[in-house]
Amino acid sequence: MANTVIIYTQTTCGPCQEEKMWLTSQQVAFEDRDIRKNDAYFQEAISLGASMTPVTLIKKEDGEDIIIHGFDKEALKEALSL
């Protein structure tokens, strides 16, 4: 089951760092996209409806995209079947 997990973050965001540590502890591979270092990532996050970070995009094998705003551990567990 190979989900693609992309997290839109910024260095000064505490919940972003917490989510990355949590995902690492769950052995979930993810791509970290810092919205302050790359304007394209900022625009992508906005297009996902972001008003804050982190924003997590989970691309499921079946083609479904799940977007989670903020560090919502329960929503992440459900989306990633943890």
PDB file of N, CA and C in Angstrom:
ATOM      1  N   MET A   1       0.856  -1.183   0.000  1.00  0.00           N
ATOM      2  CA  MET A   1       0.000   0.000   0.000  1.00  0.00           C
ATOM      3  C   MET A   1       0.892   1.233   0.000  1.00  0.00           C
ATOM      4  N   ALA A   2       1.078   1.802  -1.152  1.00  0.00           N
ATOM      5  CA  ALA A   2       2.007   2.920  -1.273  1.00  0.00           C
ATOM      6  C   ALA A   2       1.245   4.229  -1.436  1.00  0.00           C
ATOM      7  N   ASN A   3       0.984   4.885  -0.321  1.00  0.00           N
ATOM      8  CA  ASN A   3       0.400   6.215  -0.368  1.00  0.00           C
ATOM      9  C   ASN A   3       1.532   7.218  -0.535  1.00  0.00           C
ATOM     10  N   THR A   4       1.250   8.312  -1.212  1.00  0.00           N
ATOM     11  CA  THR A   4       2.200   9.416  -1.280  1.00  0.00           C
ATOM     12  C   THR A   4       1.731  10.464  -0.276  1.00  0.00           C
ATOM     13  N   VAL A   5       2.622  10.856   0.632  1.00  0.00           N
ATOM     14  CA  VAL A   5       2.280  11.832   1.665  1.00  0.00           C
ATOM     15  C   VAL A   5       3.152  13.071   1.455  1.00  0.00           C
ATOM     16  N   ILE A   6       2.489  14.211   1.282  1.00  0.00           N
ATOM     17  CA  ILE A   6       3.181  15.493   1.107  1.00  0.00           C
ATOM     18  C   ILE A   6       2.697  16.427   2.210  1.00  0.00           C
ATOM     19  N   ILE A   7       3.641  17.022   2.928  1.00  0.00           N
ATOM     20  CA  ILE A   7       3.284  17.962   3.992  1.00  0.00           C
ATOM     21  C   ILE A   7       3.809  19.341   3.618  1.00  0.00           C
ATOM     22  N   TYR A   8       2.913  20.305   3.635  1.00  0.00           N
ATOM     23  CA  TYR A   8       3.281  21.707   3.403  1.00  0.00           C
ATOM     24  C   TYR A   8       3.520  22.330   4.776  1.00  0.00           C
ATOM     25  N   THR A   9       4.753  22.789   5.001  1.00  0.00           N
ATOM     26  CA  THR A   9       5.167  23.246   6.327  1.00  0.00           C
ATOM     27  C   THR A   9       5.902  24.574   6.233  1.00  0.00           C
ATOM     28  N   GLN A  10       6.289  25.074   7.405  1.00  0.00           N
ATOM     29  CA  GLN A  10       7.245  26.171   7.508  1.00  0.00           C
ATOM     30  C   GLN A  10       8.069  25.945   8.771  1.00  0.00           C
ATOM     31  N   THR A  11       9.292  26.409   8.746  1.00  0.00           N
ATOM     32  CA  THR A  11      10.243  26.118   9.814  1.00  0.00           C
ATOM     33  C   THR A  11       9.751  26.571  11.182  1.00  0.00           C
ATOM     34  N   THR A  12       9.053  27.697  11.241  1.00  0.00           N
ATOM     35  CA  THR A  12       8.634  28.268  12.525  1.00  0.00           C
ATOM     36  C   THR A  12       7.320  27.690  13.047  1.00  0.00           C
ATOM     37  N   CYS A  13       6.805  26.657  12.399  1.00  0.00           N
ATOM     38  CA  CYS A  13       5.507  26.075  12.753  1.00  0.00           C
ATOM     39  C   CYS A  13       5.699  24.881  13.679  1.00  0.00           C
ATOM     40  N   GLY A  14       5.344  25.050  14.949  1.00  0.00           N
ATOM     41  CA  GLY A  14       5.470  23.967  15.923  1.00  0.00           C
ATOM     42  C   GLY A  14       4.692  22.718  15.540  1.00  0.00           C
ATOM     43  N   PRO A  15       3.383  22.861  15.198  1.00  0.00           N
ATOM     44  CA  PRO A  15       2.621  21.677  14.800  1.00  0.00           C
ATOM     45  C   PRO A  15       3.205  20.963  13.580  1.00  0.00           C
ATOM     46  N   CYS A  16       3.843  21.700  12.704  1.00  0.00           N
ATOM     47  CA  CYS A  16       4.489  21.077  11.533  1.00  0.00           C
ATOM     48  C   CYS A  16       5.594  20.136  11.987  1.00  0.00           C
ATOM     49  N   GLN A  17       6.424  20.620  12.911  1.00  0.00           N
ATOM     50  CA  GLN A  17       7.533  19.803  13.410  1.00  0.00           C
ATOM     51  C   GLN A  17       6.995  18.581  14.155  1.00  0.00           C
ATOM     52  N   GLU A  18       5.923  18.783  14.932  1.00  0.00           N
ATOM     53  CA  GLU A  18       5.319  17.667  15.670  1.00  0.00           C
ATOM     54  C   GLU A  18       4.795  16.609  14.707  1.00  0.00           C
ATOM     55  N   GLU A  19       4.122  17.048  13.634  1.00  0.00           N
ATOM     56  CA  GLU A  19       3.570  16.080  12.683  1.00  0.00           C
ATOM     57  C   GLU A  19       4.686  15.298  11.994  1.00  0.00           C
ATOM     58  N   LYS A  20       5.758  15.982  11.603  1.00  0.00           N
ATOM     59  CA  LYS A  20       6.861  15.293  10.942  1.00  0.00           C
ATOM     60  C   LYS A  20       7.489  14.254  11.877  1.00  0.00           C
ATOM     61  N   MET A  21       7.661  14.608  13.153  1.00  0.00           N
ATOM     62  CA  MET A  21       8.217  13.651  14.116  1.00  0.00           C
ATOM     63  C   MET A  21       7.271  12.475  14.308  1.00  0.00           C
ATOM     64  N   TRP A  22       5.983  12.751  14.387  1.00  0.00           N
ATOM     65  CA  TRP A  22       4.994  11.701  14.575  1.00  0.00           C
ATOM     66  C   TRP A  22       4.977  10.752  13.378  1.00  0.00           C
ATOM     67  N   LEU A  23       4.949  11.310  12.157  1.00  0.00           N
ATOM     68  CA  LEU A  23       4.950  10.465  10.959  1.00  0.00           C
ATOM     69  C   LEU A  23       6.209   9.601  10.903  1.00  0.00           C
ATOM     70  N   THR A  24       7.349  10.190  11.257  1.00  0.00           N
ATOM     71  CA  THR A  24       8.601   9.441  11.279  1.00  0.00           C
ATOM     72  C   THR A  24       8.504   8.292  12.282  1.00  0.00           C
ATOM     73  N   SER A  25       7.933   8.562  13.458  1.00  0.00           N
ATOM     74  CA  SER A  25       7.799   7.521  14.481  1.00  0.00           C
ATOM     75  C   SER A  25       6.849   6.408  14.038  1.00  0.00           C
ATOM     76  N   GLN A  26       5.923   6.727  13.135  1.00  0.00           N
ATOM     77  CA  GLN A  26       4.986   5.741  12.596  1.00  0.00           C
ATOM     78  C   GLN A  26       5.546   5.053  11.344  1.00  0.00           C
ATOM     79  N   GLN A  27       6.770   5.425  10.976  1.00  0.00           N
ATOM     80  CA  GLN A  27       7.454   4.887   9.793  1.00  0.00           C
ATOM     81  C   GLN A  27       6.679   5.182   8.502  1.00  0.00           C
ATOM     82  N   VAL A  28       6.146   6.403   8.444  1.00  0.00           N
ATOM     83  CA  VAL A  28       5.441   6.865   7.247  1.00  0.00           C
ATOM     84  C   VAL A  28       6.385   7.786   6.487  1.00  0.00           C
ATOM     85  N   ALA A  29       6.691   7.422   5.247  1.00  0.00           N
ATOM     86  CA  ALA A  29       7.545   8.274   4.411  1.00  0.00           C
ATOM     87  C   ALA A  29       6.718   9.468   3.933  1.00  0.00           C
ATOM     88  N   PHE A  30       7.365  10.645   3.892  1.00  0.00           N
ATOM     89  CA  PHE A  30       6.657  11.839   3.441  1.00  0.00           C
ATOM     90  C   PHE A  30       7.625  12.792   2.763  1.00  0.00           C
ATOM     91  N   GLU A  31       7.058  13.680   1.964  1.00  0.00           N
ATOM     92  CA  GLU A  31       7.830  14.752   1.341  1.00  0.00           C
ATOM     93  C   GLU A  31       7.484  16.038   2.065  1.00  0.00           C
ATOM     94  N   ASP A  32       8.483  16.741   2.541  1.00  0.00           N
ATOM     95  CA  ASP A  32       8.307  18.003   3.263  1.00  0.00           C
ATOM     96  C   ASP A  32       8.485  19.159   2.281  1.00  0.00           C
ATOM     97  N   ARG A  33       7.432  19.958   2.115  1.00  0.00           N
ATOM     98  CA  ARG A  33       7.494  21.107   1.220  1.00  0.00           C
ATOM     99  C   ARG A  33       7.356  22.388   2.037  1.00  0.00           C
ATOM    100  N   ASP A  34       8.473  23.074   2.215  1.00  0.00           N
ATOM    101  CA  ASP A  34       8.522  24.308   3.008  1.00  0.00           C
ATOM    102  C   ASP A  34       7.987  25.467   2.165  1.00  0.00           C
ATOM    103  N   ILE A  35       6.847  26.016   2.579  1.00  0.00           N
ATOM    104  CA  ILE A  35       6.190  27.063   1.788  1.00  0.00           C
ATOM    105  C   ILE A  35       6.932  28.396   1.832  1.00  0.00           C
ATOM    106  N   ARG A  36       7.834  28.554   2.789  1.00  0.00           N
ATOM    107  CA  ARG A  36       8.604  29.809   2.884  1.00  0.00           C
ATOM    108  C   ARG A  36       9.845  29.770   1.998  1.00  0.00           C
ATOM    109  N   LYS A  37      10.277  28.588   1.615  1.00  0.00           N
ATOM    110  CA  LYS A  37      11.487  28.459   0.797  1.00  0.00           C
ATOM    111  C   LYS A  37      11.181  28.308  -0.686  1.00  0.00           C
ATOM    112  N   ASN A  38       9.912  28.038  -1.015  1.00  0.00           N
ATOM    113  CA  ASN A  38       9.555  27.804  -2.408  1.00  0.00           C
ATOM    114  C   ASN A  38       8.146  28.341  -2.655  1.00  0.00           C
ATOM    115  N   ASP A  39       8.042  29.390  -3.466  1.00  0.00           N
ATOM    116  CA  ASP A  39       6.740  30.020  -3.700  1.00  0.00           C
ATOM    117  C   ASP A  39       5.770  29.074  -4.392  1.00  0.00           C
ATOM    118  N   ALA A  40       6.277  28.162  -5.213  1.00  0.00           N
ATOM    119  CA  ALA A  40       5.393  27.195  -5.875  1.00  0.00           C
ATOM    120  C   ALA A  40       4.693  26.331  -4.826  1.00  0.00           C
ATOM    121  N   TYR A  41       5.417  25.935  -3.781  1.00  0.00           N
ATOM    122  CA  TYR A  41       4.815  25.150  -2.710  1.00  0.00           C
ATOM    123  C   TYR A  41       3.760  25.972  -1.964  1.00  0.00           C
ATOM    124  N   PHE A  42       4.059  27.257  -1.761  1.00  0.00           N
ATOM    125  CA  PHE A  42       3.093  28.156  -1.111  1.00  0.00           C
ATOM    126  C   PHE A  42       1.802  28.187  -1.930  1.00  0.00           C
ATOM    127  N   GLN A  43       1.930  28.337  -3.253  1.00  0.00           N
ATOM    128  CA  GLN A  43       0.755  28.388  -4.121  1.00  0.00           C
ATOM    129  C   GLN A  43      -0.002  27.061  -4.111  1.00  0.00           C
ATOM    130  N   GLU A  44       0.723  25.942  -4.075  1.00  0.00           N
ATOM    131  CA  GLU A  44       0.072  24.632  -4.000  1.00  0.00           C
ATOM    132  C   GLU A  44      -0.742  24.516  -2.707  1.00  0.00           C
ATOM    133  N   ALA A  45      -0.157  24.955  -1.597  1.00  0.00           N
ATOM    134  CA  ALA A  45      -0.856  24.882  -0.310  1.00  0.00           C
ATOM    135  C   ALA A  45      -2.124  25.735  -0.341  1.00  0.00           C
ATOM    136  N   ILE A  46      -2.028  26.918  -0.925  1.00  0.00           N
ATOM    137  CA  ILE A  46      -3.200  27.794  -1.049  1.00  0.00           C
ATOM    138  C   ILE A  46      -4.278  27.100  -1.885  1.00  0.00           C
ATOM    139  N   SER A  47      -3.864  26.458  -2.969  1.00  0.00           N
ATOM    140  CA  SER A  47      -4.837  25.784  -3.843  1.00  0.00           C
ATOM    141  C   SER A  47      -5.533  24.622  -3.139  1.00  0.00           C
ATOM    142  N   LEU A  48      -4.904  24.092  -2.076  1.00  0.00           N
ATOM    143  CA  LEU A  48      -5.512  23.026  -1.281  1.00  0.00           C
ATOM    144  C   LEU A  48      -6.430  23.582  -0.190  1.00  0.00           C
ATOM    145  N   GLY A  49      -6.571  24.908  -0.152  1.00  0.00           N
ATOM    146  CA  GLY A  49      -7.451  25.529   0.828  1.00  0.00           C
ATOM    147  C   GLY A  49      -6.770  25.897   2.130  1.00  0.00           C
ATOM    148  N   ALA A  50      -5.446  25.947   2.116  1.00  0.00           N
ATOM    149  CA  ALA A  50      -4.702  26.197   3.347  1.00  0.00           C
ATOM    150  C   ALA A  50      -4.856  27.637   3.818  1.00  0.00           C
ATOM    151  N   SER A  51      -5.083  27.780   5.117  1.00  0.00           N
ATOM    152  CA  SER A  51      -5.010  29.095   5.752  1.00  0.00           C
ATOM    153  C   SER A  51      -3.966  29.056   6.866  1.00  0.00           C
ATOM    154  N   MET A  52      -3.390  27.859   7.074  1.00  0.00           N
ATOM    155  CA  MET A  52      -2.353  27.661   8.089  1.00  0.00           C
ATOM    156  C   MET A  52      -1.564  26.420   7.703  1.00  0.00           C
ATOM    157  N   THR A  53      -0.471  26.184   8.412  1.00  0.00           N
ATOM    158  CA  THR A  53       0.291  24.962   8.217  1.00  0.00           C
ATOM    159  C   THR A  53       0.231  24.151   9.503  1.00  0.00           C
ATOM    160  N   PRO A  54       0.445  22.872   9.450  1.00  0.00           N
ATOM    161  CA  PRO A  54       0.704  22.071   8.255  1.00  0.00           C
ATOM    162  C   PRO A  54      -0.560  21.765   7.470  1.00  0.00           C
ATOM    163  N   VAL A  55      -0.367  21.516   6.190  1.00  0.00           N
ATOM    164  CA  VAL A  55      -1.413  20.956   5.338  1.00  0.00           C
ATOM    165  C   VAL A  55      -0.827  19.665   4.780  1.00  0.00           C
ATOM    166  N   THR A  56      -1.559  18.592   4.933  1.00  0.00           N
ATOM    167  CA  THR A  56      -1.070  17.293   4.488  1.00  0.00           C
ATOM    168  C   THR A  56      -1.930  16.801   3.338  1.00  0.00           C
ATOM    169  N   LEU A  57      -1.272  16.440   2.257  1.00  0.00           N
ATOM    170  CA  LEU A  57      -1.936  15.853   1.094  1.00  0.00           C
ATOM    171  C   LEU A  57      -1.538  14.388   1.027  1.00  0.00           C
ATOM    172  N   ILE A  58      -2.537  13.527   1.070  1.00  0.00           N
ATOM    173  CA  ILE A  58      -2.297  12.091   0.969  1.00  0.00           C
ATOM    174  C   ILE A  58      -2.913  11.619  -0.335  1.00  0.00           C
ATOM    175  N   LYS A  59      -2.054  11.136  -1.217  1.00  0.00           N
ATOM    176  CA  LYS A  59      -2.511  10.590  -2.497  1.00  0.00           C
ATOM    177  C   LYS A  59      -2.574   9.075  -2.348  1.00  0.00           C
ATOM    178  N   LYS A  60      -3.797   8.551  -2.347  1.00  0.00           N
ATOM    179  CA  LYS A  60      -4.005   7.118  -2.151  1.00  0.00           C
ATOM    180  C   LYS A  60      -3.761   6.362  -3.461  1.00  0.00           C
ATOM    181  N   GLU A  61      -3.460   5.077  -3.323  1.00  0.00           N
ATOM    182  CA  GLU A  61      -3.236   4.221  -4.494  1.00  0.00           C
ATOM    183  C   GLU A  61      -4.425   4.212  -5.448  1.00  0.00           C
ATOM    184  N   ASP A  62      -5.637   4.319  -4.887  1.00  0.00           N
ATOM    185  CA  ASP A  62      -6.845   4.258  -5.720  1.00  0.00           C
ATOM    186  C   ASP A  62      -7.159   5.582  -6.413  1.00  0.00           C
ATOM    187  N   GLY A  63      -6.264   6.579  -6.248  1.00  0.00           N
ATOM    188  CA  GLY A  63      -6.462   7.868  -6.906  1.00  0.00           C
ATOM    189  C   GLY A  63      -7.137   8.917  -6.048  1.00  0.00           C
ATOM    190  N   GLU A  64      -7.625   8.509  -4.879  1.00  0.00           N
ATOM    191  CA  GLU A  64      -8.273   9.460  -3.974  1.00  0.00           C
ATOM    192  C   GLU A  64      -7.225  10.368  -3.339  1.00  0.00           C
ATOM    193  N   ASP A  65      -7.555  11.661  -3.239  1.00  0.00           N
ATOM    194  CA  ASP A  65      -6.708  12.623  -2.534  1.00  0.00           C
ATOM    195  C   ASP A  65      -7.395  13.009  -1.235  1.00  0.00           C
ATOM    196  N   ILE A  66      -6.650  12.939  -0.143  1.00  0.00           N
ATOM    197  CA  ILE A  66      -7.160  13.348   1.159  1.00  0.00           C
ATOM    198  C   ILE A  66      -6.330  14.544   1.611  1.00  0.00           C
ATOM    199  N   ILE A  67      -7.012  15.605   2.020  1.00  0.00           N
ATOM    200  CA  ILE A  67      -6.337  16.815   2.488  1.00  0.00           C
ATOM    201  C   ILE A  67      -6.682  17.000   3.960  1.00  0.00           C
ATOM    202  N   ILE A  68      -5.651  17.145   4.781  1.00  0.00           N
ATOM    203  CA  ILE A  68      -5.839  17.348   6.218  1.00  0.00           C
ATOM    204  C   ILE A  68      -5.193  18.666   6.606  1.00  0.00           C
ATOM    205  N   HIS A  69      -5.987  19.538   7.209  1.00  0.00           N
ATOM    206  CA  HIS A  69      -5.502  20.850   7.643  1.00  0.00           C
ATOM    207  C   HIS A  69      -5.144  20.791   9.119  1.00  0.00           C
ATOM    208  N   GLY A  70      -3.936  21.253   9.451  1.00  0.00           N
ATOM    209  CA  GLY A  70      -3.457  21.187  10.825  1.00  0.00           C
ATOM    210  C   GLY A  70      -2.945  19.790  11.145  1.00  0.00           C
ATOM    211  N   PHE A  71      -2.344  19.651  12.315  1.00  0.00           N
ATOM    212  CA  PHE A  71      -1.842  18.345  12.757  1.00  0.00           C
ATOM    213  C   PHE A  71      -2.981  17.625  13.467  1.00  0.00           C
ATOM    214  N   ASP A  72      -3.717  16.819  12.722  1.00  0.00           N
ATOM    215  CA  ASP A  72      -4.868  16.083  13.229  1.00  0.00           C
ATOM    216  C   ASP A  72      -4.501  14.598  13.243  1.00  0.00           C
ATOM    217  N   LYS A  73      -3.980  14.155  14.374  1.00  0.00           N
ATOM    218  CA  LYS A  73      -3.454  12.794  14.492  1.00  0.00           C
ATOM    219  C   LYS A  73      -4.511  11.741  14.160  1.00  0.00           C
ATOM    220  N   GLU A  74      -5.728  11.939  14.626  1.00  0.00           N
ATOM    221  CA  GLU A  74      -6.786  10.949  14.375  1.00  0.00           C
ATOM    222  C   GLU A  74      -7.128  10.885  12.890  1.00  0.00           C
ATOM    223  N   ALA A  75      -7.215  12.020  12.224  1.00  0.00           N
ATOM    224  CA  ALA A  75      -7.500  12.037  10.786  1.00  0.00           C
ATOM    225  C   ALA A  75      -6.356  11.392  10.001  1.00  0.00           C
ATOM    226  N   LEU A  76      -5.130  11.624  10.441  1.00  0.00           N
ATOM    227  CA  LEU A  76      -3.985  11.003   9.782  1.00  0.00           C
ATOM    228  C   LEU A  76      -3.996   9.492   9.961  1.00  0.00           C
ATOM    229  N   LYS A  77      -4.302   9.028  11.190  1.00  0.00           N
ATOM    230  CA  LYS A  77      -4.365   7.592  11.441  1.00  0.00           C
ATOM    231  C   LYS A  77      -5.410   6.939  10.532  1.00  0.00           C
ATOM    232  N   GLU A  78      -6.560   7.570  10.417  1.00  0.00           N
ATOM    233  CA  GLU A  78      -7.643   7.014   9.593  1.00  0.00           C
ATOM    234  C   GLU A  78      -7.230   7.013   8.110  1.00  0.00           C
ATOM    235  N   ALA A  79      -6.708   8.131   7.643  1.00  0.00           N
ATOM    236  CA  ALA A  79      -6.347   8.246   6.230  1.00  0.00           C
ATOM    237  C   ALA A  79      -5.226   7.286   5.837  1.00  0.00           C
ATOM    238  N   LEU A  80      -4.317   7.022   6.781  1.00  0.00           N
ATOM    239  CA  LEU A  80      -3.160   6.166   6.500  1.00  0.00           C
ATOM    240  C   LEU A  80      -3.351   4.730   6.990  1.00  0.00           C
ATOM    241  N   SER A  81      -4.538   4.441   7.510  1.00  0.00           N
ATOM    242  CA  SER A  81      -4.851   3.101   8.036  1.00  0.00           C
ATOM    243  C   SER A  81      -3.844   2.644   9.079  1.00  0.00           C
ATOM    244  N   LEU A  82      -3.556   3.507  10.044  1.00  0.00           N
ATOM    245  CA  LEU A  82      -2.587   3.185  11.110  1.00  0.00           C
ATOM    246  C   LEU A  82      -3.321   2.700  12.367  1.00  0.00           C
TER     247      LEU A  82
END
